[in-house]
Amino acid sequence: PPMTLPIILNPALIEATSPVPLLATPRPTDPIPTSEVN
């Protein structure tokens, strides 16, 4: 079975499997992304 389905359905899985948390990834457009998350 394709392993992409559970990853897409579970955002938490993406953060757990990815080396860098999606929310913590620095964005070029956002000078301080952490302030928006917090």
C-alpha atoms as a PDB file:
ATOM      1  CA  PRO A   1       0.000   0.000   0.000  1.00  0.00           C
ATOM      2  CA  PRO A   2       1.172   3.570  -0.703  1.00  0.00           C
ATOM      3  CA  MET A   3       2.764   5.119   2.368  1.00  0.00           C
ATOM      4  CA  THR A   4       1.933   8.616   1.153  1.00  0.00           C
ATOM      5  CA  LEU A   5      -1.723   8.356   2.166  1.00  0.00           C
ATOM      6  CA  PRO A   6      -1.216   8.186   5.953  1.00  0.00           C
ATOM      7  CA  ILE A   7       1.388  10.945   5.734  1.00  0.00           C
ATOM      8  CA  ILE A   8      -0.981  13.253   3.864  1.00  0.00           C
ATOM      9  CA  LEU A   9      -3.899  12.447   6.159  1.00  0.00           C
ATOM     10  CA  ASN A  10      -1.789  12.923   9.275  1.00  0.00           C
ATOM     11  CA  PRO A  11      -0.002  16.311   9.461  1.00  0.00           C
ATOM     12  CA  ALA A  12       1.578  15.188  12.727  1.00  0.00           C
ATOM     13  CA  LEU A  13       3.253  12.325  10.883  1.00  0.00           C
ATOM     14  CA  ILE A  14       4.831  14.773   8.457  1.00  0.00           C
ATOM     15  CA  GLU A  15       6.366  16.754  11.314  1.00  0.00           C
ATOM     16  CA  ALA A  16       7.510  13.566  13.014  1.00  0.00           C
ATOM     17  CA  THR A  17       9.054  12.085   9.869  1.00  0.00           C
ATOM     18  CA  SER A  18      10.515  15.315   8.507  1.00  0.00           C
ATOM     19  CA  PRO A  19      13.946  16.371   9.836  1.00  0.00           C
ATOM     20  CA  VAL A  20      12.633  19.883  10.450  1.00  0.00           C
ATOM     21  CA  PRO A  21       9.190  20.660  11.922  1.00  0.00           C
ATOM     22  CA  LEU A  22       6.879  22.327   9.398  1.00  0.00           C
ATOM     23  CA  LEU A  23       5.954  25.073  11.848  1.00  0.00           C
ATOM     24  CA  ALA A  24       9.588  25.742  12.675  1.00  0.00           C
ATOM     25  CA  THR A  25      10.731  26.029   9.061  1.00  0.00           C
ATOM     26  CA  PRO A  26      11.979  29.582   8.411  1.00  0.00           C
ATOM     27  CA  ARG A  27      10.063  31.301   5.614  1.00  0.00           C
ATOM     28  CA  PRO A  28      11.640  33.974   3.376  1.00  0.00           C
ATOM     29  CA  THR A  29       8.431  36.030   3.580  1.00  0.00           C
ATOM     30  CA  ASP A  30       8.228  35.810   7.369  1.00  0.00           C
ATOM     31  CA  PRO A  31      11.146  37.457   9.217  1.00  0.00           C
ATOM     32  CA  ILE A  32       9.967  35.963  12.532  1.00  0.00           C
ATOM     33  CA  PRO A  33       7.837  32.830  11.929  1.00  0.00           C
ATOM     34  CA  THR A  34       8.188  31.739  15.565  1.00  0.00           C
ATOM     35  CA  SER A  35       6.258  34.775  16.791  1.00  0.00           C
ATOM     36  CA  GLU A  36       3.300  33.829  14.596  1.00  0.00           C
ATOM     37  CA  VAL A  37       3.363  30.214  15.758  1.00  0.00           C
ATOM     38  CA  ASN A  38       3.516  31.186  19.405  1.00  0.00           C
END
